[in-house]
Amino acid sequence: MILTQLGPNVPKTGNIISRFFGRSTLSLLGWKVDGDFPNTKKVIIIFAPHLSNWDALYTIATKIALGLNAFWMAKSSLFFFPLGILVRYLGGIPTYRNKKNGTVKQIANEFEKRDHLVLAIAPEGTRSEVSRWKTGFYNIAVEANVPILLMYLDHKRKTLGFGKLLKPTNDIDKDMNIIKDFYKPYIYR
């Protein structure tokens, strides 16, 4: 498995030992990484399709293997004690699905306050098949003026890949069509 080096602008974490651990985990699971991570300080990563709880393991192992200092949003029910300690350590940020709590504005403010921020979100919002993706990731990107990195999970080829970097145009219909077209080869449901 060949992993590219992260560019100088990308927020990094870990060391040679943690990266070895991440690479070994991916290798043991039979997964590989494809594509280059863009040399950017701030980005929202969307990953799809999100089919199982195992997807979290693949994406977290990739984050560790690359030494990428990235955060990810997950349902608040994963943050119970003692699991919550590990989930937060690995970059988890709880989302509260049953509340209208201004999450878009809160996350956009985090992008504004920080010099570097990489945030991963599953646009489906669940592992179940959905007819329509959530648009919070898009609204955050527009509000924070940051690009969206399209990351795919190809379960058939056991490949996690970094694809297109999309700068939102504020035309959600147009941009969502571009995003959906990108993911068509990876949605097998």
Protein backbone atom coordinates (compact mmCIF):
# COMPACT_ATOMS: atom_id res chain seq x y z
CA MET A 1 0.00 0.00 0.00
CA ILE A 2 1.48 3.32 -1.07
CA LEU A 3 0.23 6.39 0.75
CA THR A 4 1.18 9.80 -0.48
CA GLN A 5 2.69 12.40 1.79
CA LEU A 6 0.45 15.17 3.05
CA GLY A 7 1.29 18.65 1.78
CA PRO A 8 2.72 21.35 4.05
CA ASN A 9 -0.65 23.09 4.56
CA VAL A 10 -2.51 19.98 5.72
CA PRO A 11 -2.94 19.63 9.51
CA LYS A 12 -0.97 16.64 10.75
CA THR A 13 -0.81 14.52 13.87
CA GLY A 14 0.82 11.32 15.10
CA ASN A 15 4.22 9.85 14.42
CA ILE A 16 5.91 7.00 12.56
CA ILE A 17 4.51 4.45 15.03
CA SER A 18 0.89 5.61 14.77
CA ARG A 19 1.14 5.79 10.96
CA PHE A 20 2.55 2.24 10.91
CA PHE A 21 -0.38 1.12 13.08
CA GLY A 22 -2.89 2.77 10.72
CA ARG A 23 -1.27 1.24 7.63
CA SER A 24 -1.10 -2.19 9.27
CA THR A 25 -4.79 -2.00 10.19
CA LEU A 26 -5.76 -1.15 6.62
CA SER A 27 -3.54 -3.92 5.29
CA LEU A 28 -4.98 -6.52 7.67
CA LEU A 29 -8.50 -5.53 6.64
CA GLY A 30 -7.50 -5.75 2.96
CA TRP A 31 -8.22 -2.07 2.26
CA LYS A 32 -6.09 0.37 0.29
CA VAL A 33 -6.04 4.13 -0.20
CA ASP A 34 -6.24 5.75 -3.63
CA GLY A 35 -5.69 9.36 -4.68
CA ASP A 36 -4.01 12.35 -3.12
CA PHE A 37 -5.20 14.46 -0.24
CA PRO A 38 -5.29 18.12 -1.35
CA ASN A 39 -2.76 20.53 0.15
CA THR A 40 -5.32 22.67 1.96
CA LYS A 41 -5.62 23.97 5.52
CA LYS A 42 -9.40 23.77 5.71
CA VAL A 43 -11.76 21.33 4.05
CA ILE A 44 -14.96 19.38 4.59
CA ILE A 45 -14.64 15.76 3.55
CA ILE A 46 -17.78 13.91 2.59
CA PHE A 47 -17.55 10.14 2.35
CA ALA A 48 -20.03 7.79 0.78
CA PRO A 49 -21.50 5.31 0.60
CA HIS A 50 -21.75 4.74 4.34
CA LEU A 51 -22.89 1.12 4.53
CA SER A 52 -21.78 -0.25 7.90
CA ASN A 53 -20.15 0.49 11.23
CA TRP A 54 -16.95 -0.88 9.70
CA ASP A 55 -16.70 2.27 7.56
CA ALA A 56 -15.65 4.19 10.65
CA LEU A 57 -12.76 1.77 11.16
CA TYR A 58 -11.58 2.15 7.55
CA THR A 59 -11.74 5.92 7.63
CA ILE A 60 -10.12 6.28 11.06
CA ALA A 61 -7.35 3.84 10.07
CA THR A 62 -6.76 5.95 6.95
CA LYS A 63 -6.63 9.15 9.01
CA ILE A 64 -4.05 7.55 11.33
CA ALA A 65 -2.07 5.99 8.46
CA LEU A 66 -1.74 9.38 6.76
CA GLY A 67 -1.05 11.27 9.99
CA LEU A 68 -4.02 13.50 9.13
CA ASN A 69 -5.39 15.63 11.96
CA ALA A 70 -9.06 15.32 11.02
CA PHE A 71 -12.31 15.40 12.93
CA TRP A 72 -15.57 13.65 12.10
CA MET A 73 -19.18 14.07 13.06
CA ALA A 74 -21.17 11.20 14.55
CA LYS A 75 -24.46 10.68 16.33
CA SER A 76 -24.39 11.69 19.98
CA SER A 77 -25.37 8.19 21.18
CA LEU A 78 -21.79 7.02 20.43
CA PHE A 79 -20.38 9.32 23.10
CA PHE A 80 -21.42 7.38 26.20
CA PHE A 81 -18.86 6.59 28.92
CA PRO A 82 -16.34 4.99 28.50
CA LEU A 83 -16.55 4.67 24.68
CA GLY A 84 -17.01 8.44 24.36
CA ILE A 85 -13.47 9.04 25.60
CA LEU A 86 -12.03 6.96 22.75
CA VAL A 87 -14.41 8.40 20.16
CA ARG A 88 -13.42 11.98 21.08
CA TYR A 89 -9.72 11.04 21.13
CA LEU A 90 -10.06 9.71 17.58
CA GLY A 91 -11.60 13.00 16.44
CA GLY A 92 -15.32 12.43 16.99
CA ILE A 93 -17.66 15.40 17.42
CA PRO A 94 -21.20 14.60 18.62
CA THR A 95 -24.25 15.69 16.63
CA TYR A 96 -27.67 15.86 18.20
CA ARG A 97 -30.18 14.77 15.58
CA ASN A 98 -33.28 15.58 17.62
CA LYS A 99 -32.41 19.26 18.13
CA LYS A 100 -32.36 22.26 15.86
CA ASN A 101 -29.30 23.73 17.51
CA GLY A 102 -27.59 25.79 14.83
CA THR A 103 -24.98 23.16 14.01
CA VAL A 104 -24.18 24.73 10.62
CA LYS A 105 -23.38 28.10 12.23
CA GLN A 106 -21.44 26.48 15.10
CA ILE A 107 -19.21 24.47 12.76
CA ALA A 108 -18.76 27.41 10.37
CA ASN A 109 -17.59 29.47 13.35
CA GLU A 110 -15.06 26.73 14.19
CA PHE A 111 -13.66 27.00 10.66
CA GLU A 112 -13.38 30.76 11.09
CA LYS A 113 -11.63 30.52 14.48
CA ARG A 114 -9.04 27.91 13.49
CA ASP A 115 -6.04 28.12 11.20
CA HIS A 116 -6.49 24.46 10.17
CA LEU A 117 -9.58 22.27 10.21
CA VAL A 118 -10.40 19.05 8.36
CA LEU A 119 -13.91 17.76 9.07
CA ALA A 120 -15.43 14.52 7.72
CA ILE A 121 -19.19 14.03 7.37
CA ALA A 122 -21.30 11.20 5.94
CA PRO A 123 -23.83 13.04 3.75
CA GLU A 124 -26.29 10.17 3.99
CA GLY A 125 -26.53 10.79 7.73
CA THR A 126 -27.01 7.06 8.35
CA ARG A 127 -25.90 3.60 7.24
CA SER A 128 -29.37 2.86 5.88
CA GLU A 129 -30.34 3.54 2.29
CA VAL A 130 -31.79 7.02 1.90
CA SER A 131 -33.60 8.69 -0.97
CA ARG A 132 -32.04 12.08 -0.25
CA TRP A 133 -28.75 13.13 1.32
CA LYS A 134 -28.57 15.62 4.16
CA THR A 135 -27.29 19.03 3.07
CA GLY A 136 -25.69 20.21 6.31
CA PHE A 137 -22.18 19.56 4.94
CA TYR A 138 -22.95 21.80 1.96
CA ASN A 139 -24.41 24.58 4.09
CA ILE A 140 -21.37 24.48 6.38
CA ALA A 141 -19.02 24.68 3.38
CA VAL A 142 -20.90 27.70 1.97
CA GLU A 143 -21.13 29.45 5.35
CA ALA A 144 -17.44 28.80 6.15
CA ASN A 145 -16.26 29.38 2.57
CA VAL A 146 -14.32 26.10 2.47
CA PRO A 147 -14.07 23.43 -0.27
CA ILE A 148 -15.63 19.97 -0.14
CA LEU A 149 -13.41 16.93 -0.75
CA LEU A 150 -15.29 13.99 -2.25
CA MET A 151 -14.00 10.80 -0.65
CA TYR A 152 -15.40 7.44 -1.66
CA LEU A 153 -15.58 4.00 -0.08
CA ASP A 154 -15.53 1.38 -2.82
CA HIS A 155 -16.62 -1.68 -0.86
CA LYS A 156 -16.26 -4.04 -3.81
CA ARG A 157 -12.61 -3.11 -4.45
CA LYS A 158 -11.90 -2.40 -0.75
CA THR A 159 -10.59 1.02 -1.65
CA LEU A 160 -10.95 4.32 0.11
CA GLY A 161 -10.23 7.13 -2.34
CA PHE A 162 -9.81 10.86 -2.41
CA GLY A 163 -11.48 12.38 -5.43
CA LYS A 164 -12.63 15.75 -6.61
CA LEU A 165 -12.20 18.96 -4.57
CA LEU A 166 -15.37 21.00 -5.07
CA LYS A 167 -15.67 24.71 -4.30
CA PRO A 168 -19.39 25.30 -3.58
CA THR A 169 -21.01 27.78 -5.98
CA ASN A 170 -23.99 28.46 -3.67
CA ASP A 171 -26.18 26.75 -6.29
CA ILE A 172 -27.02 23.67 -4.24
CA ASP A 173 -28.93 21.88 -7.01
CA LYS A 174 -26.09 22.24 -9.50
CA ASP A 175 -23.39 21.26 -6.98
CA MET A 176 -25.38 18.30 -5.61
CA ASN A 177 -25.77 16.97 -9.16
CA ILE A 178 -21.96 17.12 -9.56
CA ILE A 179 -21.52 15.34 -6.23
CA LYS A 180 -24.11 12.64 -6.97
CA ASP A 181 -22.56 12.01 -10.41
CA PHE A 182 -19.15 11.54 -8.79
CA TYR A 183 -20.51 8.89 -6.38
CA LYS A 184 -22.58 6.89 -8.90
CA PRO A 185 -19.84 4.27 -9.54
CA TYR A 186 -19.58 3.52 -5.80
CA ILE A 187 -23.26 3.20 -4.82
CA TYR A 188 -24.19 -0.49 -5.15
CA ARG A 189 -27.48 -0.62 -3.30
